[in-house]
Amino acid sequence: MELQELITLGVPLPVGAVLYWLHLRLVSAEAKAAEAIKDLAEYKLEVAKEYASIKYLKDVENRLIDVLNRIDDRLNNLGGRVTK
């Protein structure tokens, strides 16, 4: 092979290899980004479910406190009658 043929073949091959390598990296990065988006969506859904259950728990807590306050009021009223 002559020098000109080596140069003709030698320049495009490394450039092609670099372009192919960049393409593979881009495909890999796109796959990772898609996976991250999917994971984020799942996390958001999980957080939304937990938030709803916390809201429900606070509602139950408030109802229990109301019942306990009513019991306390009844005991106070009963205690006032007994001491009189």
N, C-alpha and C. Protein backbone atom coordinates (compact mmCIF):
# COMPACT_ATOMS: atom_id res chain seq x y z
N MET A 1 0.84 -1.18 0.00
CA MET A 1 0.00 0.00 0.00
C MET A 1 0.88 1.24 0.00
N GLU A 2 0.42 2.19 -0.69
CA GLU A 2 1.16 3.45 -0.74
C GLU A 2 0.75 4.34 0.43
N LEU A 3 1.52 5.37 0.65
CA LEU A 3 1.27 6.30 1.73
C LEU A 3 -0.07 7.01 1.54
N GLN A 4 -0.39 7.37 0.33
CA GLN A 4 -1.66 8.06 0.07
C GLN A 4 -2.85 7.16 0.39
N GLU A 5 -2.76 5.87 0.08
CA GLU A 5 -3.83 4.93 0.40
C GLU A 5 -3.96 4.77 1.91
N LEU A 6 -2.85 4.71 2.61
CA LEU A 6 -2.88 4.61 4.07
C LEU A 6 -3.54 5.84 4.69
N ILE A 7 -3.21 7.00 4.17
CA ILE A 7 -3.81 8.23 4.69
C ILE A 7 -5.31 8.25 4.38
N THR A 8 -5.66 7.81 3.17
CA THR A 8 -7.06 7.79 2.77
C THR A 8 -7.87 6.87 3.66
N LEU A 9 -7.33 5.74 4.02
CA LEU A 9 -8.02 4.80 4.89
C LEU A 9 -7.82 5.12 6.37
N GLY A 10 -6.67 5.68 6.69
CA GLY A 10 -6.31 5.91 8.09
C GLY A 10 -7.07 7.04 8.74
N VAL A 11 -7.48 8.03 8.02
CA VAL A 11 -8.19 9.17 8.61
C VAL A 11 -9.66 8.85 8.88
N PRO A 12 -10.39 8.29 7.91
CA PRO A 12 -11.81 8.04 8.19
C PRO A 12 -12.07 6.97 9.25
N LEU A 13 -11.19 5.99 9.36
CA LEU A 13 -11.42 4.93 10.33
C LEU A 13 -11.45 5.44 11.77
N PRO A 14 -10.47 6.20 12.24
CA PRO A 14 -10.56 6.71 13.62
C PRO A 14 -11.73 7.66 13.81
N VAL A 15 -12.01 8.48 12.80
CA VAL A 15 -13.14 9.39 12.92
C VAL A 15 -14.44 8.60 13.02
N GLY A 16 -14.57 7.57 12.21
CA GLY A 16 -15.76 6.72 12.27
C GLY A 16 -15.87 6.01 13.60
N ALA A 17 -14.73 5.55 14.13
CA ALA A 17 -14.74 4.87 15.42
C ALA A 17 -15.17 5.83 16.53
N VAL A 18 -14.68 7.06 16.49
CA VAL A 18 -15.06 8.05 17.49
C VAL A 18 -16.55 8.37 17.38
N LEU A 19 -17.05 8.53 16.18
CA LEU A 19 -18.48 8.80 16.00
C LEU A 19 -19.33 7.64 16.50
N TYR A 20 -18.90 6.41 16.23
CA TYR A 20 -19.64 5.24 16.71
C TYR A 20 -19.62 5.20 18.24
N TRP A 21 -18.47 5.48 18.83
CA TRP A 21 -18.35 5.50 20.29
C TRP A 21 -19.27 6.57 20.89
N LEU A 22 -19.30 7.75 20.28
CA LEU A 22 -20.18 8.81 20.76
C LEU A 22 -21.65 8.41 20.64
N HIS A 23 -21.98 7.71 19.55
CA HIS A 23 -23.35 7.23 19.37
C HIS A 23 -23.72 6.25 20.48
N LEU A 24 -22.84 5.33 20.81
CA LEU A 24 -23.11 4.37 21.87
C LEU A 24 -23.29 5.08 23.22
N ARG A 25 -22.46 6.08 23.47
CA ARG A 25 -22.59 6.83 24.72
C ARG A 25 -23.92 7.58 24.79
N LEU A 26 -24.35 8.14 23.66
CA LEU A 26 -25.62 8.86 23.61
C LEU A 26 -26.79 7.91 23.86
N VAL A 27 -26.74 6.74 23.26
CA VAL A 27 -27.81 5.75 23.47
C VAL A 27 -27.85 5.34 24.93
N SER A 28 -26.69 5.12 25.52
CA SER A 28 -26.62 4.74 26.93
C SER A 28 -27.16 5.86 27.82
N ALA A 29 -26.80 7.10 27.51
CA ALA A 29 -27.28 8.23 28.30
C ALA A 29 -28.80 8.37 28.17
N GLU A 30 -29.33 8.15 26.99
CA GLU A 30 -30.78 8.23 26.80
C GLU A 30 -31.49 7.15 27.61
N ALA A 31 -30.93 5.96 27.64
CA ALA A 31 -31.53 4.88 28.41
C ALA A 31 -31.51 5.20 29.90
N LYS A 32 -30.41 5.75 30.37
CA LYS A 32 -30.31 6.13 31.79
C LYS A 32 -31.30 7.24 32.12
N ALA A 33 -31.44 8.21 31.21
CA ALA A 33 -32.39 9.30 31.44
C ALA A 33 -33.82 8.77 31.48
N ALA A 34 -34.16 7.84 30.59
CA ALA A 34 -35.51 7.26 30.58
C ALA A 34 -35.77 6.50 31.88
N GLU A 35 -34.79 5.78 32.36
CA GLU A 35 -34.92 5.05 33.62
C GLU A 35 -35.09 6.01 34.79
N ALA A 36 -34.34 7.11 34.77
CA ALA A 36 -34.46 8.10 35.85
C ALA A 36 -35.84 8.74 35.85
N ILE A 37 -36.37 9.02 34.68
CA ILE A 37 -37.71 9.62 34.58
C ILE A 37 -38.75 8.64 35.11
N LYS A 38 -38.59 7.36 34.77
CA LYS A 38 -39.53 6.34 35.26
C LYS A 38 -39.45 6.23 36.79
N ASP A 39 -38.22 6.20 37.31
CA ASP A 39 -38.04 6.11 38.77
C ASP A 39 -38.64 7.33 39.48
N LEU A 40 -38.46 8.50 38.89
CA LEU A 40 -39.01 9.72 39.49
C LEU A 40 -40.54 9.67 39.51
N ALA A 41 -41.13 9.19 38.44
CA ALA A 41 -42.60 9.08 38.39
C ALA A 41 -43.10 8.11 39.46
N GLU A 42 -42.41 6.99 39.62
CA GLU A 42 -42.80 6.02 40.66
C GLU A 42 -42.65 6.63 42.05
N TYR A 43 -41.58 7.39 42.26
CA TYR A 43 -41.37 8.02 43.56
C TYR A 43 -42.46 9.05 43.84
N LYS A 44 -42.82 9.84 42.83
CA LYS A 44 -43.88 10.83 43.02
C LYS A 44 -45.20 10.15 43.39
N LEU A 45 -45.48 9.03 42.75
CA LEU A 45 -46.70 8.30 43.07
C LEU A 45 -46.67 7.79 44.51
N GLU A 46 -45.54 7.25 44.92
CA GLU A 46 -45.40 6.74 46.29
C GLU A 46 -45.57 7.87 47.31
N VAL A 47 -44.97 9.02 47.03
CA VAL A 47 -45.10 10.17 47.93
C VAL A 47 -46.55 10.62 48.01
N ALA A 48 -47.23 10.63 46.87
CA ALA A 48 -48.64 11.04 46.87
C ALA A 48 -49.48 10.08 47.71
N LYS A 49 -49.20 8.80 47.63
CA LYS A 49 -49.94 7.83 48.44
C LYS A 49 -49.66 8.04 49.92
N GLU A 50 -48.41 8.27 50.28
CA GLU A 50 -48.05 8.48 51.68
C GLU A 50 -48.67 9.76 52.20
N TYR A 51 -48.70 10.79 51.40
CA TYR A 51 -49.27 12.07 51.83
C TYR A 51 -50.76 11.89 52.11
N ALA A 52 -51.43 11.15 51.25
CA ALA A 52 -52.86 10.92 51.47
C ALA A 52 -53.09 10.16 52.76
N SER A 53 -52.27 9.17 53.04
CA SER A 53 -52.48 8.40 54.26
C SER A 53 -52.15 9.22 55.50
N ILE A 54 -51.18 10.11 55.40
CA ILE A 54 -50.87 10.99 56.53
C ILE A 54 -52.03 11.93 56.79
N LYS A 55 -52.64 12.43 55.73
CA LYS A 55 -53.81 13.30 55.88
C LYS A 55 -54.93 12.54 56.58
N TYR A 56 -55.14 11.30 56.17
CA TYR A 56 -56.17 10.47 56.80
C TYR A 56 -55.85 10.25 58.27
N LEU A 57 -54.59 9.97 58.57
CA LEU A 57 -54.19 9.75 59.97
C LEU A 57 -54.43 11.00 60.82
N LYS A 58 -54.17 12.16 60.26
CA LYS A 58 -54.42 13.39 61.02
C LYS A 58 -55.92 13.56 61.28
N ASP A 59 -56.75 13.18 60.30
CA ASP A 59 -58.19 13.26 60.49
C ASP A 59 -58.63 12.32 61.61
N VAL A 60 -58.11 11.11 61.61
CA VAL A 60 -58.44 10.15 62.67
C VAL A 60 -57.96 10.66 64.02
N GLU A 61 -56.77 11.23 64.05
CA GLU A 61 -56.23 11.77 65.30
C GLU A 61 -57.14 12.88 65.84
N ASN A 62 -57.59 13.76 64.97
CA ASN A 62 -58.48 14.85 65.41
C ASN A 62 -59.79 14.31 65.96
N ARG A 63 -60.33 13.28 65.30
CA ARG A 63 -61.58 12.70 65.81
C ARG A 63 -61.37 12.05 67.17
N LEU A 64 -60.24 11.37 67.35
CA LEU A 64 -59.95 10.75 68.65
C LEU A 64 -59.78 11.81 69.74
N ILE A 65 -59.11 12.89 69.40
CA ILE A 65 -58.93 13.97 70.38
C ILE A 65 -60.28 14.56 70.77
N ASP A 66 -61.16 14.73 69.78
CA ASP A 66 -62.50 15.24 70.10
C ASP A 66 -63.24 14.31 71.04
N VAL A 67 -63.18 13.01 70.79
CA VAL A 67 -63.85 12.04 71.66
C VAL A 67 -63.24 12.08 73.06
N LEU A 68 -61.92 12.12 73.14
CA LEU A 68 -61.27 12.17 74.46
C LEU A 68 -61.62 13.46 75.20
N ASN A 69 -61.72 14.56 74.51
CA ASN A 69 -62.12 15.82 75.16
C ASN A 69 -63.54 15.74 75.68
N ARG A 70 -64.43 15.11 74.92
CA ARG A 70 -65.81 14.95 75.41
C ARG A 70 -65.85 14.06 76.65
N ILE A 71 -65.06 12.99 76.64
CA ILE A 71 -64.99 12.11 77.82
C ILE A 71 -64.45 12.89 79.01
N ASP A 72 -63.43 13.70 78.77
CA ASP A 72 -62.86 14.51 79.84
C ASP A 72 -63.90 15.48 80.40
N ASP A 73 -64.65 16.12 79.51
CA ASP A 73 -65.71 17.04 79.97
C ASP A 73 -66.76 16.30 80.80
N ARG A 74 -67.15 15.12 80.36
CA ARG A 74 -68.14 14.34 81.12
C ARG A 74 -67.61 13.96 82.50
N LEU A 75 -66.34 13.55 82.55
CA LEU A 75 -65.75 13.20 83.84
C LEU A 75 -65.66 14.42 84.75
N ASN A 76 -65.33 15.56 84.17
CA ASN A 76 -65.27 16.79 84.97
C ASN A 76 -66.66 17.14 85.52
N ASN A 77 -67.67 17.00 84.68
CA ASN A 77 -69.03 17.28 85.13
C ASN A 77 -69.47 16.27 86.20
N LEU A 78 -69.10 15.03 86.01
CA LEU A 78 -69.43 14.00 86.98
C LEU A 78 -68.70 14.24 88.28
N GLY A 79 -67.46 14.64 88.20
CA GLY A 79 -66.67 14.94 89.40
C GLY A 79 -67.24 16.10 90.17
N GLY A 80 -67.77 17.10 89.50
CA GLY A 80 -68.38 18.25 90.15
C GLY A 80 -69.64 17.87 90.90
N ARG A 81 -70.40 16.93 90.36
CA ARG A 81 -71.63 16.47 91.00
C ARG A 81 -71.31 15.64 92.25
N VAL A 82 -70.28 14.85 92.19
CA VAL A 82 -69.93 13.97 93.31
C VAL A 82 -69.44 14.79 94.49
N THR A 83 -68.65 15.81 94.25
CA THR A 83 -68.08 16.59 95.36
C THR A 83 -69.10 17.52 95.99
N LYS A 84 -70.20 17.82 95.36
CA LYS A 84 -71.19 18.74 95.90
C LYS A 84 -72.04 18.12 96.92
